[in-house]
Amino acid sequence: MFYRPADGHGLPHNPFNALITPRPIAWVSTQDARGIQNLAPYSFFNGTAYVPPQVMFASTGTKPDQDEGKDSLTNIRDTEVFCINIVEQSMRDAMNVSTTRFDKNVDEFERAGLHAVQCETITCPRLDGAPASLECRMTGILPLLGDNNFLVMGEVIGIHLRDNCLIDGIFDVSTFRPLARLGYRDYSVVDNTFTLGRPDD
């Protein structure tokens, strides 16, 4: 099968998301200028550089109570900071609750039964008990093609690692089984890893 996205795919559901899998999930925590906390997952997410450490995630779509984009985007524009919390398998139901398009005045931490604590280097909440949290200073927001598509970029200026995820000095993902996004409404869990040395090591 071949199709041009501009012409449509003719399938029951858009296959595009299913082609780029598995995708890590950025559980982005922010707060607005009034101090109202927000927590939302984004699966167009990844690291972009080591030194200094940098990350990006993409915000797509709109909400009726925001002029442009979603709550996370608006909050980051206003405060220039955000925190990315890593999602573990045991938090999947709470993460799913936070996908709900709540009113911008709703605190998703409370709705999902989660506890927020303040970050160390930025004025922003983070998820208490997350396997890892990345405190980020926004370095840019880039408009992408299409309506309400934005790339949010940040420098990681503080990192929290949960102590029981460190095994012999290694951050071991098998201790918490990261949740990953597939296509459609499908997810996966990382529970099988292997080491592959490079030829020039």
N, C-alpha and C. Protein backbone atom coordinates (compact mmCIF):
# COMPACT_ATOMS: atom_id res chain seq x y z
N MET A 1 0.85 -1.20 0.00
CA MET A 1 0.00 0.00 0.00
C MET A 1 0.88 1.25 0.00
N PHE A 2 0.49 2.22 -0.75
CA PHE A 2 1.13 3.54 -0.73
C PHE A 2 0.02 4.58 -0.71
N TYR A 3 0.24 5.63 0.11
CA TYR A 3 -0.72 6.74 0.08
C TYR A 3 0.01 8.04 0.36
N ARG A 4 -0.56 9.12 -0.15
CA ARG A 4 -0.07 10.46 0.15
C ARG A 4 -0.94 11.01 1.27
N PRO A 5 -0.34 11.39 2.40
CA PRO A 5 -1.14 11.89 3.52
C PRO A 5 -2.12 12.98 3.14
N ALA A 6 -1.75 13.83 2.19
CA ALA A 6 -2.65 14.91 1.79
C ALA A 6 -3.91 14.38 1.12
N ASP A 7 -3.85 13.15 0.57
CA ASP A 7 -5.00 12.57 -0.11
C ASP A 7 -5.83 11.65 0.78
N GLY A 8 -5.33 11.34 1.98
CA GLY A 8 -6.03 10.42 2.87
C GLY A 8 -5.54 9.00 2.68
N HIS A 9 -5.78 8.15 3.69
CA HIS A 9 -5.27 6.78 3.68
C HIS A 9 -6.34 5.74 3.37
N GLY A 10 -7.60 6.08 3.54
CA GLY A 10 -8.67 5.14 3.23
C GLY A 10 -8.83 4.01 4.23
N LEU A 11 -8.12 4.06 5.33
CA LEU A 11 -8.21 3.03 6.37
C LEU A 11 -9.15 3.49 7.48
N PRO A 12 -9.63 2.56 8.31
CA PRO A 12 -10.55 2.96 9.39
C PRO A 12 -9.94 3.97 10.36
N HIS A 13 -8.62 3.90 10.57
CA HIS A 13 -7.93 4.82 11.49
C HIS A 13 -6.59 5.22 10.88
N ASN A 14 -6.13 6.40 11.22
CA ASN A 14 -4.86 6.90 10.70
C ASN A 14 -3.71 6.03 11.20
N PRO A 15 -2.90 5.43 10.30
CA PRO A 15 -1.82 4.55 10.74
C PRO A 15 -0.54 5.26 11.16
N PHE A 16 -0.47 6.58 10.98
CA PHE A 16 0.80 7.28 11.16
C PHE A 16 1.42 7.03 12.53
N ASN A 17 0.63 7.20 13.61
CA ASN A 17 1.20 7.01 14.95
C ASN A 17 1.73 5.61 15.16
N ALA A 18 1.12 4.63 14.51
CA ALA A 18 1.55 3.24 14.69
C ALA A 18 2.87 2.94 14.00
N LEU A 19 3.32 3.84 13.13
CA LEU A 19 4.57 3.62 12.42
C LEU A 19 5.79 4.02 13.23
N ILE A 20 5.59 4.94 14.17
CA ILE A 20 6.71 5.46 14.96
C ILE A 20 6.52 4.96 16.39
N THR A 21 6.97 3.73 16.64
CA THR A 21 6.73 3.09 17.93
C THR A 21 7.92 2.23 18.32
N PRO A 22 8.10 1.97 19.59
CA PRO A 22 7.39 2.59 20.71
C PRO A 22 7.91 4.00 20.97
N ARG A 23 7.06 4.84 21.50
CA ARG A 23 7.46 6.21 21.81
C ARG A 23 7.45 6.43 23.31
N PRO A 24 8.51 7.05 23.87
CA PRO A 24 8.48 7.38 25.29
C PRO A 24 7.40 8.43 25.55
N ILE A 25 6.92 8.46 26.77
CA ILE A 25 5.86 9.40 27.15
C ILE A 25 6.43 10.44 28.10
N ALA A 26 6.27 11.70 27.72
CA ALA A 26 6.62 12.81 28.62
C ALA A 26 5.36 13.19 29.39
N TRP A 27 5.38 12.94 30.68
CA TRP A 27 4.26 13.36 31.53
C TRP A 27 4.62 14.75 32.02
N VAL A 28 4.14 15.75 31.31
CA VAL A 28 4.60 17.12 31.50
C VAL A 28 3.80 17.81 32.60
N SER A 29 4.52 18.29 33.60
CA SER A 29 3.87 19.05 34.67
C SER A 29 4.26 20.52 34.54
N THR A 30 3.26 21.37 34.71
CA THR A 30 3.44 22.82 34.62
C THR A 30 2.50 23.47 35.62
N GLN A 31 2.59 24.77 35.73
CA GLN A 31 1.57 25.52 36.45
C GLN A 31 1.40 26.87 35.77
N ASP A 32 0.19 27.41 35.88
CA ASP A 32 -0.05 28.68 35.22
C ASP A 32 0.39 29.84 36.10
N ALA A 33 0.22 31.04 35.61
CA ALA A 33 0.69 32.22 36.33
C ALA A 33 -0.01 32.40 37.67
N ARG A 34 -1.19 31.78 37.82
CA ARG A 34 -1.93 31.86 39.09
C ARG A 34 -1.57 30.75 40.05
N GLY A 35 -0.74 29.80 39.61
CA GLY A 35 -0.33 28.70 40.46
C GLY A 35 -1.16 27.45 40.32
N ILE A 36 -2.07 27.40 39.34
CA ILE A 36 -2.87 26.19 39.12
C ILE A 36 -2.02 25.16 38.39
N GLN A 37 -1.93 23.96 38.95
CA GLN A 37 -1.07 22.92 38.43
C GLN A 37 -1.73 22.17 37.27
N ASN A 38 -0.88 21.66 36.38
CA ASN A 38 -1.36 20.89 35.24
C ASN A 38 -0.43 19.71 35.03
N LEU A 39 -1.00 18.60 34.59
CA LEU A 39 -0.22 17.39 34.30
C LEU A 39 -0.83 16.71 33.08
N ALA A 40 -0.04 16.53 32.02
CA ALA A 40 -0.57 15.97 30.78
C ALA A 40 0.52 15.16 30.07
N PRO A 41 0.13 14.01 29.47
CA PRO A 41 1.11 13.18 28.76
C PRO A 41 1.23 13.56 27.28
N TYR A 42 2.47 13.48 26.78
CA TYR A 42 2.76 13.75 25.36
C TYR A 42 3.70 12.66 24.86
N SER A 43 3.33 12.04 23.74
CA SER A 43 4.16 10.93 23.25
C SER A 43 5.02 11.29 22.05
N PHE A 44 4.94 12.51 21.54
CA PHE A 44 5.95 12.98 20.62
C PHE A 44 7.02 13.66 21.48
N PHE A 45 7.94 12.85 21.99
CA PHE A 45 8.89 13.30 23.02
C PHE A 45 10.21 12.57 22.86
N ASN A 46 11.31 13.31 23.11
CA ASN A 46 12.61 12.66 23.13
C ASN A 46 13.68 13.62 23.63
N GLY A 47 14.85 13.06 23.89
CA GLY A 47 16.02 13.86 24.18
C GLY A 47 16.63 14.34 22.88
N THR A 48 17.30 15.49 22.92
CA THR A 48 17.88 16.05 21.69
C THR A 48 19.37 16.31 21.77
N ALA A 49 19.95 16.35 22.97
CA ALA A 49 21.39 16.59 23.11
C ALA A 49 21.84 16.16 24.49
N TYR A 50 23.15 15.84 24.58
CA TYR A 50 23.73 15.41 25.85
C TYR A 50 24.26 16.58 26.68
N VAL A 51 25.04 17.46 26.04
CA VAL A 51 25.73 18.52 26.78
C VAL A 51 25.45 19.88 26.13
N PRO A 52 24.69 20.76 26.78
CA PRO A 52 23.91 20.45 27.98
C PRO A 52 22.73 19.55 27.62
N PRO A 53 22.21 18.79 28.59
CA PRO A 53 21.10 17.90 28.27
C PRO A 53 19.86 18.70 27.85
N GLN A 54 19.26 18.27 26.75
CA GLN A 54 18.10 18.97 26.21
C GLN A 54 17.03 17.98 25.77
N VAL A 55 15.79 18.41 25.82
CA VAL A 55 14.65 17.58 25.46
C VAL A 55 13.69 18.38 24.60
N MET A 56 12.75 17.65 23.98
CA MET A 56 11.69 18.31 23.25
C MET A 56 10.43 17.46 23.36
N PHE A 57 9.29 18.12 23.24
CA PHE A 57 8.03 17.41 23.04
C PHE A 57 7.16 18.27 22.15
N ALA A 58 6.21 17.63 21.48
CA ALA A 58 5.33 18.35 20.57
C ALA A 58 3.92 18.41 21.15
N SER A 59 3.35 19.59 21.09
CA SER A 59 1.96 19.81 21.49
C SER A 59 1.13 19.97 20.22
N THR A 60 0.10 19.15 20.09
CA THR A 60 -0.77 19.22 18.91
C THR A 60 -2.21 19.35 19.36
N GLY A 61 -3.01 20.04 18.59
CA GLY A 61 -4.42 20.17 18.90
C GLY A 61 -4.74 21.38 19.75
N THR A 62 -6.02 21.51 20.08
CA THR A 62 -6.50 22.68 20.81
C THR A 62 -7.42 22.27 21.95
N LYS A 63 -7.76 23.26 22.77
CA LYS A 63 -8.77 23.11 23.82
C LYS A 63 -9.71 24.31 23.71
N PRO A 64 -10.99 24.09 23.98
CA PRO A 64 -11.95 25.20 23.85
C PRO A 64 -11.64 26.39 24.76
N ASP A 65 -10.98 26.14 25.90
CA ASP A 65 -10.74 27.23 26.85
C ASP A 65 -9.35 27.83 26.73
N GLN A 66 -8.64 27.52 25.65
CA GLN A 66 -7.33 28.13 25.39
C GLN A 66 -7.35 28.79 24.01
N ASP A 67 -6.72 29.93 23.90
CA ASP A 67 -6.68 30.63 22.63
C ASP A 67 -5.87 29.87 21.58
N GLU A 68 -4.81 29.20 22.05
CA GLU A 68 -3.93 28.48 21.13
C GLU A 68 -3.32 27.29 21.86
N GLY A 69 -3.43 26.13 21.26
CA GLY A 69 -2.82 24.96 21.85
C GLY A 69 -3.51 24.48 23.11
N LYS A 70 -2.74 23.79 23.95
CA LYS A 70 -3.27 23.17 25.16
C LYS A 70 -2.72 23.86 26.41
N ASP A 71 -3.18 23.41 27.58
CA ASP A 71 -2.80 24.05 28.84
C ASP A 71 -1.29 24.06 29.04
N SER A 72 -0.63 22.93 28.75
CA SER A 72 0.82 22.86 28.95
C SER A 72 1.53 23.94 28.15
N LEU A 73 1.14 24.09 26.90
CA LEU A 73 1.79 25.07 26.04
C LEU A 73 1.60 26.49 26.58
N THR A 74 0.38 26.82 26.96
CA THR A 74 0.11 28.15 27.50
C THR A 74 0.92 28.40 28.77
N ASN A 75 0.94 27.41 29.66
CA ASN A 75 1.68 27.57 30.92
C ASN A 75 3.17 27.75 30.68
N ILE A 76 3.72 27.00 29.74
CA ILE A 76 5.16 27.11 29.46
C ILE A 76 5.47 28.46 28.82
N ARG A 77 4.60 28.95 27.97
CA ARG A 77 4.81 30.28 27.40
C ARG A 77 4.87 31.34 28.51
N ASP A 78 3.98 31.19 29.50
CA ASP A 78 3.88 32.19 30.56
C ASP A 78 5.01 32.10 31.58
N THR A 79 5.45 30.88 31.91
CA THR A 79 6.41 30.70 33.00
C THR A 79 7.82 30.35 32.52
N GLU A 80 7.92 29.84 31.28
CA GLU A 80 9.19 29.45 30.67
C GLU A 80 9.87 28.29 31.37
N VAL A 81 9.10 27.47 32.10
CA VAL A 81 9.65 26.27 32.73
C VAL A 81 8.63 25.14 32.63
N PHE A 82 9.13 23.91 32.73
CA PHE A 82 8.26 22.74 32.77
C PHE A 82 9.07 21.56 33.32
N CYS A 83 8.37 20.51 33.71
CA CYS A 83 9.03 19.31 34.22
C CYS A 83 8.49 18.10 33.47
N ILE A 84 9.39 17.23 33.04
CA ILE A 84 8.99 15.99 32.38
C ILE A 84 9.18 14.85 33.37
N ASN A 85 8.07 14.17 33.66
CA ASN A 85 8.08 13.04 34.57
C ASN A 85 7.99 11.75 33.75
N ILE A 86 8.81 10.76 34.09
CA ILE A 86 8.83 9.49 33.38
C ILE A 86 7.71 8.60 33.91
N VAL A 87 6.99 7.96 33.00
CA VAL A 87 5.81 7.16 33.36
C VAL A 87 6.19 5.69 33.52
N GLU A 88 5.84 5.12 34.68
CA GLU A 88 6.05 3.69 34.87
C GLU A 88 4.73 2.94 34.70
N GLN A 89 4.83 1.64 34.47
CA GLN A 89 3.66 0.82 34.18
C GLN A 89 2.60 0.92 35.28
N SER A 90 3.03 0.98 36.53
CA SER A 90 2.06 0.99 37.63
C SER A 90 1.26 2.29 37.69
N MET A 91 1.69 3.31 36.95
CA MET A 91 0.98 4.59 36.94
C MET A 91 0.11 4.76 35.69
N ARG A 92 -0.10 3.69 34.94
CA ARG A 92 -0.79 3.82 33.65
C ARG A 92 -2.22 4.34 33.81
N ASP A 93 -2.94 3.90 34.83
CA ASP A 93 -4.33 4.35 34.99
C ASP A 93 -4.39 5.83 35.35
N ALA A 94 -3.49 6.27 36.22
CA ALA A 94 -3.45 7.69 36.58
C ALA A 94 -3.05 8.52 35.38
N MET A 95 -2.09 8.02 34.58
CA MET A 95 -1.70 8.73 33.37
C MET A 95 -2.88 8.86 32.42
N ASN A 96 -3.67 7.79 32.32
CA ASN A 96 -4.82 7.82 31.42
C ASN A 96 -5.86 8.84 31.89
N VAL A 97 -6.05 8.97 33.19
CA VAL A 97 -6.96 9.99 33.72
C VAL A 97 -6.51 11.37 33.27
N SER A 98 -5.21 11.58 33.27
CA SER A 98 -4.68 12.91 32.94
C SER A 98 -4.77 13.24 31.45
N THR A 99 -5.20 12.28 30.63
CA THR A 99 -5.43 12.58 29.21
C THR A 99 -6.77 13.29 28.99
N THR A 100 -7.62 13.30 30.01
CA THR A 100 -8.93 13.93 29.91
C THR A 100 -8.78 15.43 29.66
N ARG A 101 -9.62 15.98 28.79
CA ARG A 101 -9.55 17.42 28.51
C ARG A 101 -10.33 18.18 29.57
N PHE A 102 -9.75 18.25 30.74
CA PHE A 102 -10.35 19.01 31.83
C PHE A 102 -10.29 20.51 31.54
N ASP A 103 -11.14 21.27 32.22
CA ASP A 103 -11.07 22.72 32.17
C ASP A 103 -9.69 23.17 32.66
N LYS A 104 -9.20 24.28 32.14
CA LYS A 104 -7.85 24.75 32.48
C LYS A 104 -7.68 25.05 33.97
N ASN A 105 -8.77 25.20 34.70
CA ASN A 105 -8.69 25.47 36.14
C ASN A 105 -8.62 24.20 36.98
N VAL A 106 -8.66 23.04 36.35
CA VAL A 106 -8.64 21.76 37.06
C VAL A 106 -7.20 21.31 37.27
N ASP A 107 -6.91 20.81 38.47
CA ASP A 107 -5.59 20.26 38.81
C ASP A 107 -5.61 18.76 38.53
N GLU A 108 -4.89 18.33 37.47
CA GLU A 108 -4.88 16.91 37.10
C GLU A 108 -4.20 16.04 38.15
N PHE A 109 -3.28 16.58 38.93
CA PHE A 109 -2.69 15.81 40.01
C PHE A 109 -3.79 15.31 40.94
N GLU A 110 -4.67 16.23 41.34
CA GLU A 110 -5.76 15.87 42.25
C GLU A 110 -6.71 14.89 41.60
N ARG A 111 -7.11 15.15 40.35
CA ARG A 111 -8.09 14.27 39.68
C ARG A 111 -7.55 12.85 39.51
N ALA A 112 -6.25 12.73 39.31
CA ALA A 112 -5.66 11.40 39.10
C ALA A 112 -5.19 10.76 40.40
N GLY A 113 -5.39 11.43 41.53
CA GLY A 113 -4.98 10.88 42.81
C GLY A 113 -3.49 10.85 43.01
N LEU A 114 -2.80 11.85 42.46
CA LEU A 114 -1.34 11.91 42.53
C LEU A 114 -0.91 13.06 43.43
N HIS A 115 0.33 12.98 43.89
CA HIS A 115 0.87 14.00 44.79
C HIS A 115 1.94 14.81 44.07
N ALA A 116 1.81 16.11 44.08
CA ALA A 116 2.80 17.00 43.47
C ALA A 116 3.72 17.56 44.55
N VAL A 117 4.97 17.71 44.20
CA VAL A 117 5.94 18.40 45.05
C VAL A 117 6.65 19.43 44.19
N GLN A 118 7.24 20.42 44.82
CA GLN A 118 7.91 21.48 44.07
C GLN A 118 9.27 21.02 43.58
N CYS A 119 9.62 21.49 42.40
CA CYS A 119 10.94 21.23 41.84
C CYS A 119 12.00 21.98 42.63
N GLU A 120 13.26 21.63 42.38
CA GLU A 120 14.37 22.25 43.09
C GLU A 120 14.90 23.50 42.40
N THR A 121 14.90 23.51 41.06
CA THR A 121 15.56 24.59 40.33
C THR A 121 14.60 25.52 39.60
N ILE A 122 13.33 25.13 39.52
CA ILE A 122 12.34 25.93 38.79
C ILE A 122 11.06 26.01 39.61
N THR A 123 10.26 27.03 39.34
CA THR A 123 8.97 27.18 40.01
C THR A 123 7.93 26.39 39.23
N CYS A 124 7.81 25.12 39.62
CA CYS A 124 6.98 24.20 38.86
C CYS A 124 6.77 22.94 39.70
N PRO A 125 5.62 22.29 39.60
CA PRO A 125 5.44 21.03 40.32
C PRO A 125 6.08 19.87 39.57
N ARG A 126 6.41 18.81 40.29
CA ARG A 126 6.81 17.56 39.69
C ARG A 126 6.03 16.44 40.36
N LEU A 127 6.04 15.28 39.74
CA LEU A 127 5.28 14.15 40.24
C LEU A 127 6.07 13.42 41.33
N ASP A 128 5.55 13.44 42.53
CA ASP A 128 6.19 12.74 43.63
C ASP A 128 6.16 11.24 43.35
N GLY A 129 7.31 10.58 43.47
CA GLY A 129 7.38 9.14 43.28
C GLY A 129 7.65 8.69 41.86
N ALA A 130 7.78 9.61 40.91
CA ALA A 130 8.09 9.21 39.54
C ALA A 130 9.49 8.56 39.50
N PRO A 131 9.71 7.62 38.60
CA PRO A 131 11.04 7.03 38.48
C PRO A 131 12.12 8.07 38.22
N ALA A 132 11.78 9.08 37.42
CA ALA A 132 12.69 10.18 37.15
C ALA A 132 11.88 11.41 36.75
N SER A 133 12.42 12.57 37.06
CA SER A 133 11.79 13.84 36.67
C SER A 133 12.89 14.78 36.18
N LEU A 134 12.60 15.45 35.07
CA LEU A 134 13.57 16.35 34.44
C LEU A 134 13.06 17.78 34.55
N GLU A 135 13.75 18.58 35.32
CA GLU A 135 13.37 19.99 35.47
C GLU A 135 13.94 20.77 34.29
N CYS A 136 13.07 21.46 33.57
CA CYS A 136 13.47 22.06 32.30
C CYS A 136 13.21 23.56 32.25
N ARG A 137 14.17 24.25 31.66
CA ARG A 137 14.01 25.67 31.33
C ARG A 137 13.72 25.75 29.84
N MET A 138 12.60 26.33 29.48
CA MET A 138 12.21 26.42 28.08
C MET A 138 13.24 27.23 27.29
N THR A 139 13.68 26.66 26.17
CA THR A 139 14.64 27.36 25.31
C THR A 139 14.01 27.83 24.01
N GLY A 140 12.83 27.33 23.69
CA GLY A 140 12.17 27.78 22.49
C GLY A 140 10.87 27.03 22.23
N ILE A 141 9.97 27.68 21.53
CA ILE A 141 8.73 27.06 21.06
C ILE A 141 8.65 27.34 19.57
N LEU A 142 8.66 26.28 18.80
CA LEU A 142 8.72 26.39 17.34
C LEU A 142 7.39 26.00 16.72
N PRO A 143 6.74 26.92 16.00
CA PRO A 143 5.52 26.53 15.29
C PRO A 143 5.85 25.51 14.20
N LEU A 144 5.02 24.48 14.09
CA LEU A 144 5.19 23.46 13.05
C LEU A 144 4.12 23.63 11.98
N LEU A 145 4.26 22.93 10.88
CA LEU A 145 3.23 22.96 9.84
C LEU A 145 1.89 22.52 10.42
N GLY A 146 0.81 23.09 9.92
CA GLY A 146 -0.51 22.72 10.38
C GLY A 146 -0.99 23.61 11.50
N ASP A 147 -2.26 23.50 11.81
CA ASP A 147 -2.85 24.32 12.87
C ASP A 147 -2.53 23.76 14.25
N ASN A 148 -2.07 24.63 15.13
CA ASN A 148 -1.84 24.30 16.54
C ASN A 148 -0.90 23.12 16.74
N ASN A 149 0.17 23.09 15.95
CA ASN A 149 1.26 22.13 16.15
C ASN A 149 2.49 22.91 16.57
N PHE A 150 3.05 22.57 17.73
CA PHE A 150 4.19 23.31 18.28
C PHE A 150 5.22 22.35 18.85
N LEU A 151 6.49 22.66 18.63
CA LEU A 151 7.59 21.92 19.23
C LEU A 151 8.12 22.73 20.41
N VAL A 152 8.08 22.13 21.60
CA VAL A 152 8.57 22.79 22.82
C VAL A 152 9.94 22.22 23.14
N MET A 153 10.93 23.09 23.28
CA MET A 153 12.30 22.65 23.56
C MET A 153 12.76 23.19 24.91
N GLY A 154 13.56 22.39 25.60
CA GLY A 154 14.02 22.82 26.91
C GLY A 154 15.39 22.27 27.26
N GLU A 155 16.08 23.02 28.11
CA GLU A 155 17.34 22.55 28.70
C GLU A 155 17.04 21.93 30.05
N VAL A 156 17.56 20.74 30.28
CA VAL A 156 17.35 20.05 31.55
C VAL A 156 18.36 20.61 32.56
N ILE A 157 17.86 21.27 33.60
CA ILE A 157 18.76 21.90 34.58
C ILE A 157 18.68 21.24 35.95
N GLY A 158 17.85 20.22 36.08
CA GLY A 158 17.77 19.46 37.32
C GLY A 158 17.16 18.10 37.04
N ILE A 159 17.72 17.05 37.64
CA ILE A 159 17.24 15.68 37.40
C ILE A 159 17.02 14.97 38.73
N HIS A 160 15.84 14.41 38.89
CA HIS A 160 15.51 13.58 40.06
C HIS A 160 15.49 12.12 39.61
N LEU A 161 16.19 11.25 40.33
CA LEU A 161 16.17 9.81 40.09
C LEU A 161 15.67 9.12 41.34
N ARG A 162 14.67 8.28 41.21
CA ARG A 162 14.17 7.55 42.38
C ARG A 162 15.23 6.54 42.82
N ASP A 163 15.52 6.53 44.11
CA ASP A 163 16.66 5.75 44.61
C ASP A 163 16.58 4.27 44.24
N ASN A 164 15.38 3.68 44.28
CA ASN A 164 15.31 2.24 44.01
C ASN A 164 15.43 1.89 42.54
N CYS A 165 15.58 2.91 41.69
CA CYS A 165 15.81 2.67 40.25
C CYS A 165 17.30 2.62 39.93
N LEU A 166 18.14 2.95 40.90
CA LEU A 166 19.59 2.91 40.70
C LEU A 166 20.14 1.59 41.22
N ILE A 167 20.68 0.78 40.32
CA ILE A 167 21.25 -0.52 40.67
C ILE A 167 22.72 -0.51 40.26
N ASP A 168 23.60 -0.61 41.25
CA ASP A 168 25.04 -0.59 40.99
C ASP A 168 25.46 0.61 40.13
N GLY A 169 24.87 1.75 40.44
CA GLY A 169 25.22 2.98 39.76
C GLY A 169 24.59 3.17 38.39
N ILE A 170 23.70 2.27 37.99
CA ILE A 170 23.03 2.34 36.69
C ILE A 170 21.55 2.62 36.91
N PHE A 171 20.99 3.56 36.13
CA PHE A 171 19.54 3.78 36.16
C PHE A 171 18.90 2.63 35.39
N ASP A 172 18.29 1.71 36.11
CA ASP A 172 17.83 0.44 35.56
C ASP A 172 16.33 0.49 35.28
N VAL A 173 15.96 0.53 33.99
CA VAL A 173 14.54 0.66 33.64
C VAL A 173 13.73 -0.57 34.02
N SER A 174 14.40 -1.71 34.22
CA SER A 174 13.66 -2.91 34.60
C SER A 174 13.08 -2.81 36.00
N THR A 175 13.54 -1.83 36.78
CA THR A 175 13.01 -1.68 38.14
C THR A 175 11.64 -1.02 38.16
N PHE A 176 11.27 -0.36 37.05
CA PHE A 176 9.97 0.32 37.05
C PHE A 176 9.15 0.08 35.78
N ARG A 177 9.74 -0.54 34.74
CA ARG A 177 9.03 -0.90 33.52
C ARG A 177 8.37 0.32 32.88
N PRO A 178 9.12 1.09 32.08
CA PRO A 178 8.58 2.28 31.45
C PRO A 178 7.38 1.97 30.56
N LEU A 179 6.42 2.88 30.58
CA LEU A 179 5.26 2.77 29.70
C LEU A 179 5.58 3.49 28.40
N ALA A 180 5.24 2.88 27.27
CA ALA A 180 5.52 3.45 25.96
C ALA A 180 4.23 3.50 25.14
N ARG A 181 4.17 4.47 24.26
CA ARG A 181 2.98 4.67 23.42
C ARG A 181 3.18 3.99 22.08
N LEU A 182 2.17 3.28 21.65
CA LEU A 182 2.14 2.70 20.32
C LEU A 182 1.14 3.51 19.49
N GLY A 183 0.55 2.91 18.49
CA GLY A 183 -0.45 3.62 17.71
C GLY A 183 -1.84 3.45 18.29
N TYR A 184 -2.78 4.19 17.73
CA TYR A 184 -4.17 4.07 18.11
C TYR A 184 -4.34 4.30 19.62
N ARG A 185 -4.96 3.36 20.34
CA ARG A 185 -5.07 3.45 21.80
C ARG A 185 -4.18 2.40 22.49
N ASP A 186 -3.14 2.00 21.80
CA ASP A 186 -2.29 0.91 22.28
C ASP A 186 -1.03 1.43 22.97
N TYR A 187 -0.62 0.66 23.98
CA TYR A 187 0.58 0.98 24.75
C TYR A 187 1.43 -0.29 24.87
N SER A 188 2.65 -0.11 25.34
CA SER A 188 3.54 -1.23 25.60
C SER A 188 4.33 -0.96 26.87
N VAL A 189 4.94 -2.00 27.41
CA VAL A 189 5.77 -1.88 28.60
C VAL A 189 7.15 -2.42 28.28
N VAL A 190 8.18 -1.70 28.68
CA VAL A 190 9.55 -2.17 28.47
C VAL A 190 9.90 -3.14 29.60
N ASP A 191 9.94 -4.42 29.27
CA ASP A 191 10.31 -5.41 30.28
C ASP A 191 11.30 -6.45 29.74
N ASN A 192 11.88 -6.15 28.57
CA ASN A 192 12.86 -7.05 27.98
C ASN A 192 13.97 -6.20 27.36
N THR A 193 15.13 -6.24 27.94
CA THR A 193 16.25 -5.44 27.43
C THR A 193 17.45 -6.34 27.15
N PHE A 194 18.35 -5.86 26.30
CA PHE A 194 19.60 -6.56 26.05
C PHE A 194 20.68 -5.53 25.75
N THR A 195 21.92 -5.93 25.90
CA THR A 195 23.07 -5.05 25.66
C THR A 195 23.72 -5.43 24.34
N LEU A 196 24.04 -4.44 23.54
CA LEU A 196 24.67 -4.67 22.25
C LEU A 196 25.85 -3.72 22.12
N GLY A 197 27.06 -4.26 22.19
CA GLY A 197 28.26 -3.43 22.09
C GLY A 197 28.48 -2.95 20.66
N ARG A 198 29.06 -1.76 20.52
CA ARG A 198 29.39 -1.23 19.19
C ARG A 198 30.69 -1.86 18.69
N PRO A 199 30.81 -2.01 17.37
CA PRO A 199 32.04 -2.62 16.82
C PRO A 199 33.31 -1.88 17.20
N ASP A 200 33.23 -0.55 17.39
CA ASP A 200 34.44 0.20 17.70
C ASP A 200 34.62 0.48 19.18
N ASP A 201 33.85 -0.20 20.04
CA ASP A 201 34.02 -0.03 21.49
C ASP A 201 35.36 -0.59 21.94
